[in-house]
């Protein structure tokens, strides 16, 4: 298989690995249930955003220290600046998921469908295989929302039985 033919398969594989990593990053947090959420987010962030990336870069990039020393200061500054912006975006996304929940998935699905419906190009989309793949992805997203919503309802019902009457879950307590 030549490189051009292998590129889509490699992309799918890397995307799947990224999804696995994104979906499992909470796993260590189950071991520190007694910690406040701020503490485990700080520990998680320290390893996920500083220790592991620098360790991997040092392992994979020949003469990593030299690369950093010879990089233009403006490039490093912009990298740090956009990293901070990414962090702010990640925090606000996490809070939006907390407060908006599954409605974000609906927004993504309808945000993908409404523009081609509004400009009349939807029927052009369904004439292509890539359009059907996009529609399949939207259907998969909505199916995932349905499954997660059902799982959340089951979990809430189970947790309600264990909670004393009148108590509420507080997001800011560990």
Protein backbone atom coordinates (compact mmCIF):
# COMPACT_ATOMS: atom_id res chain seq x y z
CA UNK A 1 0.00 0.00 0.00
CA UNK A 2 1.47 3.35 -0.97
CA UNK A 3 1.61 6.37 1.32
CA UNK A 4 -1.33 8.17 -0.28
CA UNK A 5 -3.60 5.14 0.03
CA UNK A 6 -2.50 4.58 3.63
CA UNK A 7 -3.09 8.19 4.72
CA UNK A 8 -6.87 7.89 5.35
CA UNK A 9 -6.43 4.67 7.31
CA UNK A 10 -3.67 6.24 9.39
CA UNK A 11 -5.89 9.27 9.98
CA UNK A 12 -8.75 7.08 11.19
CA UNK A 13 -6.38 5.11 13.44
CA UNK A 14 -4.89 8.25 14.97
CA UNK A 15 -8.35 9.73 15.43
CA UNK A 16 -9.49 6.54 17.19
CA UNK A 17 -6.44 6.62 19.46
CA UNK A 18 -7.15 10.27 20.25
CA UNK A 19 -10.77 9.41 21.04
CA UNK A 20 -9.64 6.59 23.32
CA UNK A 21 -7.27 8.94 25.12
CA UNK A 22 -9.91 11.66 25.41
CA UNK A 23 -12.48 9.20 26.70
CA UNK A 24 -10.24 7.58 29.29
CA UNK A 25 -8.51 10.57 30.83
CA UNK A 26 -10.90 10.51 33.78
CA UNK A 27 -9.88 6.97 34.75
CA UNK A 28 -7.19 8.04 37.28
CA UNK A 29 -9.68 10.37 38.98
CA UNK A 30 -11.66 7.36 40.27
CA UNK A 31 -8.69 6.47 42.49
CA UNK A 32 -8.71 9.84 44.29
CA UNK A 33 -12.37 10.15 45.28
CA UNK A 34 -11.47 11.83 48.56
CA UNK A 35 -9.68 14.71 46.78
CA UNK A 36 -11.45 17.96 45.96
CA UNK A 37 -12.03 18.30 42.22
CA UNK A 38 -9.59 21.25 42.08
CA UNK A 39 -6.81 19.03 43.43
CA UNK A 40 -7.21 16.21 40.96
CA UNK A 41 -7.65 18.64 38.06
CA UNK A 42 -4.39 20.29 39.08
CA UNK A 43 -2.61 16.92 39.26
CA UNK A 44 -4.21 15.78 36.01
CA UNK A 45 -3.27 19.04 34.30
CA UNK A 46 0.29 18.93 35.56
CA UNK A 47 0.83 15.50 34.03
CA UNK A 48 -1.40 15.83 30.96
CA UNK A 49 -0.21 19.27 29.87
CA UNK A 50 3.36 19.52 31.14
CA UNK A 51 5.08 16.33 32.34
CA UNK A 52 3.91 13.83 29.70
CA UNK A 53 4.14 16.16 26.65
CA UNK A 54 7.64 17.33 27.60
CA UNK A 55 8.70 13.74 28.35
CA UNK A 56 7.34 12.48 25.04
CA UNK A 57 8.93 15.37 23.14
CA UNK A 58 12.26 14.70 24.84
CA UNK A 59 12.00 11.03 23.92
CA UNK A 60 10.79 11.46 20.32
CA UNK A 61 12.51 14.65 19.14
CA UNK A 62 16.27 14.42 18.64
CA UNK A 63 18.07 17.22 20.52
CA UNK A 64 14.80 18.58 21.91
CA UNK A 65 16.58 21.07 24.18
CA UNK A 66 18.50 22.47 21.23
CA UNK A 67 15.28 22.78 19.24
CA UNK A 68 13.75 24.87 22.04
CA UNK A 69 16.90 26.98 22.47
CA UNK A 70 17.08 27.85 18.76
CA UNK A 71 13.35 28.47 18.30
CA UNK A 72 12.43 32.12 17.77
CA UNK A 73 11.22 33.65 21.05
CA UNK A 74 8.10 34.96 19.33
CA UNK A 75 7.14 31.45 18.25
CA UNK A 76 7.56 30.11 21.77
CA UNK A 77 5.60 33.04 23.18
CA UNK A 78 2.76 32.48 20.73
CA UNK A 79 2.77 28.76 21.54
CA UNK A 80 2.40 29.49 25.25
CA UNK A 81 -0.23 32.17 24.57
CA UNK A 82 -2.36 29.89 22.41
CA UNK A 83 -1.86 27.09 24.92
CA UNK A 84 -3.37 29.33 27.60
CA UNK A 85 -6.26 30.17 25.27
CA UNK A 86 -6.76 26.46 24.62
CA UNK A 87 -6.84 25.87 28.38
CA UNK A 88 -9.45 28.58 28.86
CA UNK A 89 -11.48 27.06 26.03
CA UNK A 90 -11.20 23.60 27.58
CA UNK A 91 -12.41 24.90 30.94
CA UNK A 92 -15.34 26.78 29.41
CA UNK A 93 -16.22 23.73 27.29
CA UNK A 94 -16.17 21.56 30.42
CA UNK A 95 -18.45 24.00 32.20
CA UNK A 96 -20.76 24.21 29.18
CA UNK A 97 -21.04 20.41 29.12
CA UNK A 98 -21.77 20.50 32.84
CA UNK A 99 -24.53 23.08 32.49
CA UNK A 100 -25.85 22.36 28.98
CA UNK A 101 -25.28 18.61 28.86
CA UNK A 102 -26.40 16.68 25.82
CA UNK A 103 -27.90 19.76 24.19
CA UNK A 104 -24.39 20.52 22.91
CA UNK A 105 -24.58 17.39 20.76
CA UNK A 106 -27.92 18.50 19.38
CA UNK A 107 -26.40 21.90 18.61
CA UNK A 108 -23.56 20.21 16.73
CA UNK A 109 -25.96 18.02 14.76
CA UNK A 110 -28.34 20.81 13.86
CA UNK A 111 -25.45 23.22 13.29
CA UNK A 112 -24.23 20.81 10.63
CA UNK A 113 -27.66 20.33 9.03
CA UNK A 114 -29.22 23.80 9.10
CA UNK A 115 -26.76 25.70 6.85
CA UNK A 116 -27.18 23.36 3.85
CA UNK A 117 -30.93 23.28 4.44
CA UNK A 118 -31.05 27.09 4.58
CA UNK A 119 -29.01 27.69 1.44
CA UNK A 120 -30.68 24.89 -0.53
CA UNK A 121 -27.57 22.72 -0.94
CA UNK A 122 -28.82 19.83 1.20
CA UNK A 123 -29.99 17.82 -1.80
CA UNK A 124 -26.57 18.26 -3.39
CA UNK A 125 -25.01 16.81 -0.23
CA UNK A 126 -27.14 13.66 -0.26
CA UNK A 127 -26.04 12.95 -3.83
CA UNK A 128 -22.45 12.33 -2.71
CA UNK A 129 -20.90 9.53 -0.71
CA UNK A 130 -19.17 12.07 1.54
CA UNK A 131 -22.57 13.65 2.22
CA UNK A 132 -23.96 10.29 3.29
CA UNK A 133 -20.94 9.72 5.51
CA UNK A 134 -21.59 13.11 7.13
CA UNK A 135 -25.26 12.24 7.65
CA UNK A 136 -24.22 8.88 9.08
CA UNK A 137 -21.92 10.68 11.51
CA UNK A 138 -24.78 12.96 12.57
CA UNK A 139 -27.03 9.92 13.07
CA UNK A 140 -24.29 8.24 15.11
CA UNK A 141 -23.94 11.41 17.21
CA UNK A 142 -27.68 11.55 17.88
CA UNK A 143 -27.72 7.83 18.69
CA UNK A 144 -24.88 8.38 21.16
CA UNK A 145 -26.81 11.22 22.74
CA UNK A 146 -29.82 8.94 23.16
CA UNK A 147 -27.74 6.17 24.75
CA UNK A 148 -25.94 8.60 27.07
CA UNK A 149 -29.22 10.27 28.01
CA UNK A 150 -30.74 6.92 28.93
CA UNK A 151 -27.62 5.95 30.93
CA UNK A 152 -27.72 9.31 32.72
CA UNK A 153 -31.38 8.85 33.62
CA UNK A 154 -30.67 5.38 34.99
CA UNK A 155 -27.72 6.70 37.00
CA UNK A 156 -29.71 9.63 38.38
CA UNK A 157 -32.48 7.29 39.49
CA UNK A 158 -29.94 5.04 41.23
CA UNK A 159 -28.22 8.00 42.89
CA UNK A 160 -31.53 9.48 44.02
CA UNK A 161 -32.24 6.31 45.99
CA UNK A 162 -28.88 6.60 47.79
CA UNK A 163 -29.20 10.33 48.59
CA UNK A 164 -30.90 11.60 51.71
CA UNK A 165 -34.05 13.60 51.01
CA UNK A 166 -33.36 17.29 50.39
CA UNK A 167 -29.67 16.92 49.60
CA UNK A 168 -28.26 18.05 46.24
CA UNK A 169 -25.09 17.23 44.38
CA UNK A 170 -22.69 20.15 44.36
CA UNK A 171 -20.32 20.43 41.37
CA UNK A 172 -17.68 22.19 43.47
CA UNK A 173 -17.30 19.45 46.08
CA UNK A 174 -15.09 16.41 45.55
